[in-house]
Amino acid sequence: MDTFVALADPTRRTILELLASNGELTATAIYEHFSVSPQAISQHLKVLREAKLVEMEKRAQKHVYRLNPQTLSQFEEWVQRTRQRWSERFEALDEVLEKEKAKEAQRRRGEATQ
């Protein structure tokens, strides 16, 4: 499962936020935060597990969920690399625009003196 597909749904993002805030939660504790059926939340948890964003551990009759720090770290690294690339591109664009503004200003000064 693609990380972006898993993160595209607001319910799944909310589940991740709950786990980030609480560390570990049972499936029942997660269900209690939503007005949809436990089966619907179970499907969201399945998507998050398949994307390896969360880990599940069975403890007796309970399913305990927590964030998967390894996958989240990899995703964070990807975001940082992408942010850096875009920053570099915007900086290059700013340089081009500043040069064009300077050329235009010079052209106008030349027209004004004629």
N, C-alpha and C. Protein backbone atom coordinates (compact mmCIF):
# COMPACT_ATOMS: atom_id res chain seq x y z
N MET A 1 0.86 -1.18 0.00
CA MET A 1 0.00 0.00 0.00
C MET A 1 0.90 1.23 0.00
N ASP A 2 0.57 2.16 -0.83
CA ASP A 2 1.33 3.39 -0.95
C ASP A 2 1.06 4.31 0.25
N THR A 3 2.10 4.89 0.77
CA THR A 3 1.98 5.81 1.90
C THR A 3 1.04 6.95 1.59
N PHE A 4 1.12 7.48 0.37
CA PHE A 4 0.28 8.62 0.01
C PHE A 4 -1.19 8.25 -0.05
N VAL A 5 -1.48 7.05 -0.52
CA VAL A 5 -2.87 6.59 -0.54
C VAL A 5 -3.39 6.50 0.89
N ALA A 6 -2.58 5.95 1.77
CA ALA A 6 -2.98 5.82 3.17
C ALA A 6 -3.20 7.18 3.81
N LEU A 7 -2.34 8.13 3.50
CA LEU A 7 -2.43 9.46 4.11
C LEU A 7 -3.50 10.35 3.46
N ALA A 8 -4.02 9.94 2.33
CA ALA A 8 -4.98 10.76 1.61
C ALA A 8 -6.31 10.90 2.35
N ASP A 9 -6.62 9.96 3.19
CA ASP A 9 -7.91 9.97 3.88
C ASP A 9 -7.83 10.70 5.22
N PRO A 10 -8.73 11.65 5.47
CA PRO A 10 -8.67 12.41 6.73
C PRO A 10 -8.88 11.55 7.97
N THR A 11 -9.67 10.51 7.87
CA THR A 11 -9.87 9.63 9.03
C THR A 11 -8.57 8.93 9.39
N ARG A 12 -7.85 8.47 8.39
CA ARG A 12 -6.57 7.80 8.67
C ARG A 12 -5.55 8.78 9.24
N ARG A 13 -5.56 10.01 8.74
CA ARG A 13 -4.64 11.01 9.31
C ARG A 13 -5.00 11.29 10.77
N THR A 14 -6.29 11.31 11.08
CA THR A 14 -6.71 11.52 12.47
C THR A 14 -6.26 10.36 13.35
N ILE A 15 -6.37 9.14 12.83
CA ILE A 15 -5.89 7.97 13.59
C ILE A 15 -4.39 8.12 13.88
N LEU A 16 -3.62 8.53 12.88
CA LEU A 16 -2.19 8.73 13.09
C LEU A 16 -1.92 9.80 14.14
N GLU A 17 -2.70 10.87 14.11
CA GLU A 17 -2.55 11.93 15.11
C GLU A 17 -2.87 11.42 16.51
N LEU A 18 -3.93 10.60 16.62
CA LEU A 18 -4.27 10.01 17.92
C LEU A 18 -3.13 9.16 18.44
N LEU A 19 -2.56 8.34 17.57
CA LEU A 19 -1.45 7.49 17.99
C LEU A 19 -0.21 8.32 18.33
N ALA A 20 0.02 9.38 17.59
CA ALA A 20 1.16 10.25 17.89
C ALA A 20 0.99 10.91 19.26
N SER A 21 -0.23 11.26 19.60
CA SER A 21 -0.50 11.91 20.88
C SER A 21 -0.49 10.95 22.06
N ASN A 22 -0.93 9.71 21.80
CA ASN A 22 -1.14 8.76 22.90
C ASN A 22 -0.12 7.64 22.97
N GLY A 23 0.71 7.50 21.97
CA GLY A 23 1.68 6.40 21.97
C GLY A 23 1.07 5.12 21.45
N GLU A 24 0.33 4.45 22.28
CA GLU A 24 -0.35 3.22 21.90
C GLU A 24 -1.82 3.34 22.24
N LEU A 25 -2.65 2.75 21.41
CA LEU A 25 -4.09 2.70 21.69
C LEU A 25 -4.63 1.35 21.23
N THR A 26 -5.59 0.85 21.97
CA THR A 26 -6.28 -0.34 21.51
C THR A 26 -7.22 0.05 20.38
N ALA A 27 -7.61 -0.94 19.61
CA ALA A 27 -8.57 -0.68 18.54
C ALA A 27 -9.83 -0.07 19.11
N THR A 28 -10.29 -0.58 20.24
CA THR A 28 -11.51 -0.06 20.87
C THR A 28 -11.35 1.42 21.22
N ALA A 29 -10.21 1.78 21.77
CA ALA A 29 -9.97 3.19 22.13
C ALA A 29 -9.96 4.07 20.88
N ILE A 30 -9.47 3.54 19.79
CA ILE A 30 -9.47 4.31 18.53
C ILE A 30 -10.90 4.46 18.02
N TYR A 31 -11.67 3.37 18.04
CA TYR A 31 -13.06 3.43 17.57
C TYR A 31 -13.86 4.50 18.29
N GLU A 32 -13.59 4.65 19.59
CA GLU A 32 -14.36 5.58 20.42
C GLU A 32 -14.23 7.04 19.99
N HIS A 33 -13.22 7.36 19.21
CA HIS A 33 -13.01 8.73 18.75
C HIS A 33 -13.79 9.08 17.48
N PHE A 34 -14.51 8.11 16.94
CA PHE A 34 -15.17 8.32 15.65
C PHE A 34 -16.65 7.96 15.73
N SER A 35 -17.42 8.59 14.87
CA SER A 35 -18.86 8.32 14.83
C SER A 35 -19.21 7.25 13.79
N VAL A 36 -18.22 6.73 13.07
CA VAL A 36 -18.47 5.67 12.10
C VAL A 36 -18.35 4.32 12.79
N SER A 37 -18.73 3.28 12.10
CA SER A 37 -18.74 1.94 12.70
C SER A 37 -17.33 1.45 13.00
N PRO A 38 -17.22 0.55 13.99
CA PRO A 38 -15.92 -0.06 14.25
C PRO A 38 -15.36 -0.78 13.02
N GLN A 39 -16.24 -1.35 12.20
CA GLN A 39 -15.78 -2.03 10.99
C GLN A 39 -15.11 -1.04 10.03
N ALA A 40 -15.67 0.15 9.93
CA ALA A 40 -15.07 1.17 9.05
C ALA A 40 -13.68 1.55 9.56
N ILE A 41 -13.56 1.75 10.87
CA ILE A 41 -12.27 2.11 11.45
C ILE A 41 -11.29 0.94 11.30
N SER A 42 -11.81 -0.28 11.43
CA SER A 42 -10.97 -1.45 11.22
C SER A 42 -10.37 -1.47 9.82
N GLN A 43 -11.16 -1.08 8.84
CA GLN A 43 -10.65 -1.02 7.46
C GLN A 43 -9.57 0.06 7.33
N HIS A 44 -9.78 1.20 7.99
CA HIS A 44 -8.76 2.26 7.96
C HIS A 44 -7.47 1.76 8.62
N LEU A 45 -7.61 1.05 9.73
CA LEU A 45 -6.42 0.52 10.41
C LEU A 45 -5.71 -0.50 9.52
N LYS A 46 -6.46 -1.28 8.78
CA LYS A 46 -5.87 -2.24 7.87
C LYS A 46 -5.04 -1.53 6.80
N VAL A 47 -5.57 -0.45 6.24
CA VAL A 47 -4.84 0.33 5.23
C VAL A 47 -3.55 0.88 5.83
N LEU A 48 -3.64 1.41 7.04
CA LEU A 48 -2.46 1.96 7.70
C LEU A 48 -1.42 0.87 7.99
N ARG A 49 -1.88 -0.32 8.36
CA ARG A 49 -0.95 -1.44 8.58
C ARG A 49 -0.29 -1.85 7.27
N GLU A 50 -1.09 -1.96 6.20
CA GLU A 50 -0.53 -2.37 4.91
C GLU A 50 0.48 -1.36 4.38
N ALA A 51 0.26 -0.09 4.71
CA ALA A 51 1.21 0.95 4.31
C ALA A 51 2.40 1.02 5.28
N LYS A 52 2.34 0.19 6.30
CA LYS A 52 3.40 0.12 7.32
C LYS A 52 3.55 1.42 8.11
N LEU A 53 2.47 2.18 8.18
CA LEU A 53 2.49 3.41 8.98
C LEU A 53 2.21 3.12 10.45
N VAL A 54 1.50 2.03 10.71
CA VAL A 54 1.24 1.62 12.08
C VAL A 54 1.61 0.15 12.24
N GLU A 55 1.87 -0.20 13.47
CA GLU A 55 2.13 -1.59 13.83
C GLU A 55 1.03 -2.03 14.78
N MET A 56 0.67 -3.31 14.71
CA MET A 56 -0.35 -3.84 15.60
C MET A 56 0.23 -5.02 16.37
N GLU A 57 -0.09 -5.05 17.64
CA GLU A 57 0.35 -6.14 18.50
C GLU A 57 -0.88 -6.72 19.19
N LYS A 58 -0.99 -8.03 19.17
CA LYS A 58 -2.10 -8.68 19.88
C LYS A 58 -1.68 -8.91 21.32
N ARG A 59 -2.49 -8.42 22.23
CA ARG A 59 -2.28 -8.66 23.66
C ARG A 59 -3.57 -9.26 24.20
N ALA A 60 -3.53 -10.53 24.43
CA ALA A 60 -4.72 -11.28 24.85
C ALA A 60 -5.79 -11.07 23.79
N GLN A 61 -6.92 -10.47 24.17
CA GLN A 61 -8.01 -10.25 23.22
C GLN A 61 -7.95 -8.87 22.56
N LYS A 62 -6.94 -8.09 22.90
CA LYS A 62 -6.88 -6.71 22.40
C LYS A 62 -5.86 -6.58 21.27
N HIS A 63 -6.19 -5.69 20.35
CA HIS A 63 -5.25 -5.29 19.30
C HIS A 63 -4.75 -3.90 19.68
N VAL A 64 -3.45 -3.79 19.88
CA VAL A 64 -2.85 -2.52 20.30
C VAL A 64 -2.08 -1.95 19.11
N TYR A 65 -2.36 -0.69 18.81
CA TYR A 65 -1.74 -0.02 17.67
C TYR A 65 -0.78 1.05 18.14
N ARG A 66 0.27 1.21 17.35
CA ARG A 66 1.25 2.30 17.59
C ARG A 66 1.83 2.68 16.23
N LEU A 67 2.40 3.88 16.18
CA LEU A 67 3.04 4.34 14.95
C LEU A 67 4.26 3.48 14.66
N ASN A 68 4.56 3.35 13.39
CA ASN A 68 5.78 2.66 12.97
C ASN A 68 6.83 3.75 12.72
N PRO A 69 7.75 3.94 13.65
CA PRO A 69 8.71 5.05 13.51
C PRO A 69 9.62 4.92 12.30
N GLN A 70 9.92 3.71 11.89
CA GLN A 70 10.82 3.53 10.74
C GLN A 70 10.18 4.07 9.46
N THR A 71 8.93 3.70 9.21
CA THR A 71 8.25 4.18 8.00
C THR A 71 8.04 5.69 8.07
N LEU A 72 7.68 6.18 9.25
CA LEU A 72 7.47 7.62 9.38
C LEU A 72 8.77 8.39 9.18
N SER A 73 9.89 7.84 9.64
CA SER A 73 11.19 8.49 9.42
C SER A 73 11.54 8.53 7.95
N GLN A 74 11.29 7.43 7.24
CA GLN A 74 11.56 7.39 5.81
C GLN A 74 10.69 8.42 5.08
N PHE A 75 9.44 8.52 5.48
CA PHE A 75 8.54 9.48 4.85
C PHE A 75 9.00 10.91 5.15
N GLU A 76 9.40 11.15 6.39
CA GLU A 76 9.88 12.48 6.77
C GLU A 76 11.13 12.87 5.97
N GLU A 77 12.03 11.92 5.78
CA GLU A 77 13.23 12.17 4.97
C GLU A 77 12.85 12.52 3.54
N TRP A 78 11.90 11.80 2.98
CA TRP A 78 11.43 12.09 1.62
C TRP A 78 10.85 13.50 1.55
N VAL A 79 10.04 13.86 2.54
CA VAL A 79 9.44 15.20 2.57
C VAL A 79 10.52 16.26 2.64
N GLN A 80 11.53 16.06 3.47
CA GLN A 80 12.60 17.04 3.61
C GLN A 80 13.40 17.17 2.31
N ARG A 81 13.69 16.04 1.65
CA ARG A 81 14.41 16.12 0.36
C ARG A 81 13.57 16.86 -0.67
N THR A 82 12.29 16.57 -0.72
CA THR A 82 11.41 17.23 -1.68
C THR A 82 11.30 18.72 -1.38
N ARG A 83 11.17 19.06 -0.11
CA ARG A 83 11.12 20.48 0.29
C ARG A 83 12.39 21.20 -0.12
N GLN A 84 13.54 20.56 0.06
CA GLN A 84 14.82 21.15 -0.31
C GLN A 84 14.89 21.39 -1.82
N ARG A 85 14.46 20.39 -2.60
CA ARG A 85 14.46 20.56 -4.06
C ARG A 85 13.60 21.73 -4.48
N TRP A 86 12.41 21.82 -3.90
CA TRP A 86 11.52 22.92 -4.28
C TRP A 86 12.08 24.27 -3.83
N SER A 87 12.71 24.31 -2.67
CA SER A 87 13.34 25.56 -2.22
C SER A 87 14.43 26.00 -3.19
N GLU A 88 15.23 25.03 -3.64
CA GLU A 88 16.29 25.36 -4.60
C GLU A 88 15.68 25.87 -5.91
N ARG A 89 14.61 25.26 -6.35
CA ARG A 89 13.96 25.69 -7.60
C ARG A 89 13.38 27.09 -7.46
N PHE A 90 12.73 27.36 -6.32
CA PHE A 90 12.17 28.69 -6.11
C PHE A 90 13.27 29.74 -6.00
N GLU A 91 14.38 29.40 -5.37
CA GLU A 91 15.49 30.34 -5.28
C GLU A 91 16.04 30.65 -6.68
N ALA A 92 16.16 29.62 -7.52
CA ALA A 92 16.64 29.83 -8.89
C ALA A 92 15.65 30.70 -9.67
N LEU A 93 14.37 30.45 -9.47
CA LEU A 93 13.35 31.26 -10.14
C LEU A 93 13.42 32.71 -9.66
N ASP A 94 13.61 32.91 -8.35
CA ASP A 94 13.75 34.27 -7.81
C ASP A 94 14.92 35.00 -8.47
N GLU A 95 16.03 34.30 -8.67
CA GLU A 95 17.21 34.91 -9.30
C GLU A 95 16.88 35.33 -10.73
N VAL A 96 16.22 34.46 -11.47
CA VAL A 96 15.85 34.78 -12.86
C VAL A 96 14.91 35.99 -12.88
N LEU A 97 13.94 36.00 -11.99
CA LEU A 97 12.99 37.12 -11.96
C LEU A 97 13.67 38.42 -11.59
N GLU A 98 14.60 38.38 -10.64
CA GLU A 98 15.33 39.59 -10.25
C GLU A 98 16.16 40.12 -11.42
N LYS A 99 16.79 39.22 -12.16
CA LYS A 99 17.57 39.64 -13.33
C LYS A 99 16.66 40.26 -14.38
N GLU A 100 15.51 39.66 -14.60
CA GLU A 100 14.55 40.20 -15.58
C GLU A 100 14.03 41.57 -15.14
N LYS A 101 13.77 41.72 -13.84
CA LYS A 101 13.33 43.03 -13.33
C LYS A 101 14.40 44.08 -13.54
N ALA A 102 15.66 43.70 -13.28
CA ALA A 102 16.77 44.63 -13.46
C ALA A 102 16.91 45.03 -14.93
N LYS A 103 16.78 44.05 -15.83
CA LYS A 103 16.84 44.35 -17.27
C LYS A 103 15.72 45.30 -17.67
N GLU A 104 14.52 45.04 -17.18
CA GLU A 104 13.37 45.88 -17.53
C GLU A 104 13.56 47.30 -17.00
N ALA A 105 14.06 47.40 -15.77
CA ALA A 105 14.30 48.72 -15.19
C ALA A 105 15.36 49.47 -15.99
N GLN A 106 16.40 48.76 -16.41
CA GLN A 106 17.45 49.39 -17.23
C GLN A 106 16.90 49.83 -18.57
N ARG A 107 16.05 48.99 -19.18
CA ARG A 107 15.44 49.33 -20.47
C ARG A 107 14.58 50.59 -20.34
N ARG A 108 13.82 50.68 -19.27
CA ARG A 108 12.96 51.86 -19.06
C ARG A 108 13.77 53.12 -18.82
N ARG A 109 14.88 52.97 -18.08
CA ARG A 109 15.74 54.14 -17.87
C ARG A 109 16.31 54.61 -19.18
N GLY A 110 16.68 53.63 -20.05
CA GLY A 110 17.22 53.98 -21.37
C GLY A 110 16.18 54.68 -22.22
N GLU A 111 14.93 54.27 -22.16
CA GLU A 111 13.86 54.91 -22.92
C GLU A 111 13.58 56.31 -22.40
N ALA A 112 13.68 56.47 -21.07
CA ALA A 112 13.37 57.77 -20.47
C ALA A 112 14.43 58.82 -20.83
N THR A 113 15.66 58.41 -21.05
CA THR A 113 16.71 59.37 -21.36
C THR A 113 16.74 59.74 -22.83
N GLN A 114 16.00 59.03 -23.66
CA GLN A 114 16.02 59.33 -25.10
C GLN A 114 15.06 60.42 -25.44
